[in-house]
Amino acid sequence: MNKKSYILAIDIGTSSLKAGLFNKSYQLFVVRQAEYSYHSFGMCVQIEPEEIWKAFLKVMDGLRDYLSQVEMVVPCVFSPALIALDEDGNALYPAIIHWDRRSVKQAKEALTKVGKEKFLSIAGNIPYPGGISVTSLLWLKEKEKRIFEKAFKFGHMNTFFVKRLTGRWSIDP
C-alpha cells in the first residue's frame, strides 16, 4: 500500500450498512453508517435489496473524499439472503433472509424425499427453513412460480452487490 492508501471494510447487516476506512497501519479512522428496514409478517422475513443498495450509495457518498485512495475492499455480508435476479442483476423479489420460516413445508418434504443422512452428506447441512437457500428456493418455485420462472439467476446479497459493482456474477456459498 502506498503512503495514502486505505482499506475499505463494508459490513452489510440486516438493519444497517456500515463502512470503515483503515489506514496502512490497520487502524480504523472513519466510519459511516446508513440504516434500512427488514419486513416481517407471519413467518416471512424479507428485505428489499434496493434499500440496501441506496444505503451503500449514501455511505459511499459520505466517504467520497477517500475513495480514490482505496486499494482494497473487504465485504462482510449477512447470509443467506436468497434473491431472484433478472439478467441485469436486478432483484425480482425481496431477499428472503435467514430469519424467514415460510419454507417449513418445503424443508419437511426435502427431508422426506432425500433423507436426513443423504441430504447432510450432499449439502453439508440439513434443510432448515431460512437457514439454507434450497428451502426458500423450493418455496419460490411453489408459491411464486412467475418469479421463479422469470429469474435468470438466484443468489445472495453478495451476488447482488458484486454484480452491481463489477458486472460479474458470483456467489459465496
Protein backbone atom coordinates (compact mmCIF):
# COMPACT_ATOMS: atom_id res chain seq x y z
CA MET A 1 0.00 0.00 0.00
CA ASN A 2 1.32 3.45 -0.82
CA LYS A 3 1.59 6.36 1.63
CA LYS A 4 -2.04 7.49 1.25
CA SER A 5 -3.93 4.26 0.71
CA TYR A 6 -6.83 2.76 2.57
CA ILE A 7 -8.70 -0.46 3.15
CA LEU A 8 -12.46 -0.12 2.87
CA ALA A 9 -14.39 -2.60 5.04
CA ILE A 10 -18.09 -2.89 4.29
CA ASP A 11 -20.49 -4.63 6.68
CA ILE A 12 -23.90 -5.33 5.17
CA GLY A 13 -26.15 -6.37 8.05
CA THR A 14 -29.85 -6.94 8.49
CA SER A 15 -30.62 -3.41 9.73
CA SER A 16 -27.77 -1.21 8.53
CA LEU A 17 -24.76 -0.93 6.28
CA LYS A 18 -21.53 0.24 7.85
CA ALA A 19 -18.29 1.09 6.11
CA GLY A 20 -14.99 1.82 7.74
CA LEU A 21 -11.68 3.02 6.40
CA PHE A 22 -8.45 1.62 7.77
CA ASN A 23 -5.06 3.25 7.26
CA LYS A 24 -1.86 1.43 6.30
CA SER A 25 -1.30 0.58 9.98
CA TYR A 26 -4.72 -1.13 10.01
CA GLN A 27 -6.21 1.48 12.32
CA LEU A 28 -9.85 2.39 11.83
CA PHE A 29 -10.13 6.14 11.37
CA VAL A 30 -13.52 6.84 9.83
CA VAL A 31 -16.89 5.03 9.87
CA ARG A 32 -20.14 5.80 8.08
CA GLN A 33 -23.48 4.05 8.54
CA ALA A 34 -26.92 4.04 6.94
CA GLU A 35 -29.95 2.20 8.27
CA TYR A 36 -32.74 0.37 6.47
CA SER A 37 -35.54 -1.96 7.50
CA TYR A 38 -36.36 -5.58 7.05
CA HIS A 39 -40.03 -6.52 6.76
CA SER A 40 -41.61 -9.22 8.90
CA PHE A 41 -45.10 -10.67 8.53
CA GLY A 42 -46.19 -14.03 9.83
CA MET A 43 -43.35 -16.47 9.24
CA CYS A 44 -41.85 -14.28 6.50
CA VAL A 45 -38.85 -12.01 6.95
CA GLN A 46 -37.50 -10.23 3.90
CA ILE A 47 -35.59 -7.17 2.86
CA GLU A 48 -35.54 -5.07 -0.30
CA PRO A 49 -32.09 -5.26 -1.96
CA GLU A 50 -32.62 -1.79 -3.47
CA GLU A 51 -32.93 -0.31 0.04
CA ILE A 52 -29.56 -1.78 0.92
CA TRP A 53 -28.08 -0.51 -2.35
CA LYS A 54 -29.33 3.02 -1.58
CA ALA A 55 -27.75 2.78 1.89
CA PHE A 56 -24.49 1.72 0.24
CA LEU A 57 -24.56 4.74 -2.09
CA LYS A 58 -25.29 7.06 0.85
CA VAL A 59 -22.39 5.64 2.86
CA MET A 60 -20.02 5.84 -0.12
CA ASP A 61 -21.04 9.47 -0.64
CA GLY A 62 -20.01 10.12 2.97
CA LEU A 63 -16.59 8.63 2.21
CA ARG A 64 -16.12 10.23 -1.21
CA ASP A 65 -13.04 12.22 -0.18
CA TYR A 66 -11.17 8.96 0.46
CA LEU A 67 -12.48 6.59 -2.20
CA SER A 68 -9.84 7.37 -4.83
CA GLN A 69 -7.22 6.17 -2.35
CA VAL A 70 -8.88 2.85 -1.55
CA GLU A 71 -6.69 -0.07 -2.59
CA MET A 72 -8.67 -2.91 -1.10
CA VAL A 73 -12.34 -3.59 -0.41
CA VAL A 74 -13.31 -6.15 2.23
CA PRO A 75 -17.03 -7.03 2.28
CA CYS A 76 -18.92 -8.83 5.02
CA VAL A 77 -22.49 -9.73 4.10
CA PHE A 78 -25.26 -11.48 6.06
CA SER A 79 -26.36 -14.77 4.59
CA PRO A 80 -28.41 -16.48 3.47
CA ALA A 81 -30.49 -13.86 1.74
CA LEU A 82 -31.92 -15.57 -1.31
CA ILE A 83 -32.62 -13.19 -4.19
CA ALA A 84 -34.21 -13.98 -7.56
CA LEU A 85 -32.34 -11.87 -10.14
CA ASP A 86 -33.00 -10.87 -13.74
CA GLU A 87 -30.32 -10.88 -16.47
CA ASP A 88 -29.09 -7.44 -15.39
CA GLY A 89 -28.80 -8.39 -11.73
CA ASN A 90 -31.94 -6.60 -10.59
CA ALA A 91 -33.97 -8.18 -7.80
CA LEU A 92 -37.29 -9.61 -8.91
CA TYR A 93 -38.48 -10.27 -5.36
CA PRO A 94 -37.36 -9.17 -1.90
CA ALA A 95 -34.44 -11.09 -0.39
CA ILE A 96 -35.66 -13.96 1.78
CA ILE A 97 -33.35 -13.70 4.78
CA HIS A 98 -32.06 -16.14 7.39
CA TRP A 99 -34.82 -15.34 9.94
CA ASP A 100 -37.53 -16.37 7.48
CA ARG A 101 -39.50 -19.55 8.25
CA ARG A 102 -42.04 -19.63 5.39
CA SER A 103 -40.48 -22.77 3.87
CA VAL A 104 -41.19 -25.22 6.72
CA LYS A 105 -43.30 -27.41 4.40
CA GLN A 106 -40.59 -27.48 1.73
CA ALA A 107 -37.92 -28.38 4.29
CA LYS A 108 -40.01 -31.31 5.58
CA GLU A 109 -40.65 -32.50 2.01
CA ALA A 110 -36.92 -32.36 1.18
CA LEU A 111 -36.10 -34.42 4.26
CA THR A 112 -38.79 -36.96 3.39
CA LYS A 113 -37.75 -37.29 -0.27
CA VAL A 114 -33.97 -37.27 0.19
CA GLY A 115 -33.47 -38.39 3.77
CA LYS A 116 -31.55 -36.62 6.51
CA GLU A 117 -28.25 -38.51 6.20
CA LYS A 118 -28.12 -38.31 2.40
CA PHE A 119 -29.03 -34.62 2.42
CA LEU A 120 -26.36 -33.96 5.03
CA SER A 121 -23.72 -35.87 3.04
CA ILE A 122 -24.54 -33.97 -0.16
CA ALA A 123 -25.14 -30.45 1.15
CA GLY A 124 -23.19 -30.41 4.40
CA ASN A 125 -26.29 -29.40 6.35
CA ILE A 126 -29.94 -30.28 6.66
CA PRO A 127 -32.81 -28.32 5.08
CA TYR A 128 -33.66 -25.70 7.66
CA PRO A 129 -36.27 -23.07 6.70
CA GLY A 130 -34.48 -19.78 6.09
CA GLY A 131 -31.18 -21.29 7.17
CA ILE A 132 -30.28 -22.67 3.77
CA SER A 133 -31.41 -21.31 0.43
CA VAL A 134 -32.76 -24.52 -1.04
CA THR A 135 -35.89 -24.40 1.13
CA SER A 136 -36.57 -20.79 0.16
CA LEU A 137 -35.90 -21.67 -3.47
CA LEU A 138 -38.43 -24.50 -3.29
CA TRP A 139 -40.94 -22.13 -1.68
CA LEU A 140 -40.47 -19.61 -4.51
CA LYS A 141 -40.91 -22.37 -7.08
CA GLU A 142 -44.18 -23.44 -5.46
CA LYS A 143 -45.69 -20.13 -4.27
CA GLU A 144 -44.21 -17.51 -6.62
CA LYS A 145 -43.99 -19.52 -9.83
CA ARG A 146 -43.91 -16.44 -12.09
CA ILE A 147 -40.91 -15.01 -10.19
CA PHE A 148 -39.16 -18.39 -10.17
CA GLU A 149 -39.60 -18.83 -13.94
CA LYS A 150 -38.60 -15.24 -14.73
CA ALA A 151 -35.37 -15.42 -12.70
CA PHE A 152 -32.14 -15.57 -14.68
CA LYS A 153 -30.13 -16.50 -11.58
CA PHE A 154 -30.60 -16.97 -7.87
CA GLY A 155 -28.02 -15.64 -5.46
CA HIS A 156 -27.46 -13.96 -2.13
CA MET A 157 -26.89 -10.34 -1.15
CA ASN A 158 -23.21 -10.68 -2.08
CA THR A 159 -24.24 -11.85 -5.58
CA PHE A 160 -26.43 -8.77 -5.95
CA PHE A 161 -23.64 -6.42 -4.81
CA VAL A 162 -20.83 -8.00 -6.82
CA LYS A 163 -22.97 -7.89 -9.98
CA ARG A 164 -23.75 -4.19 -9.38
CA LEU A 165 -20.16 -3.26 -8.61
CA THR A 166 -18.30 -5.36 -11.20
CA GLY A 167 -20.83 -6.53 -13.78
CA ARG A 168 -19.86 -10.13 -12.97
CA TRP A 169 -21.87 -12.94 -11.49
CA SER A 170 -20.53 -14.64 -8.39
CA ILE A 171 -21.68 -16.29 -5.20
CA ASP A 172 -20.01 -17.04 -1.92
CA PRO A 173 -21.54 -20.29 -0.75
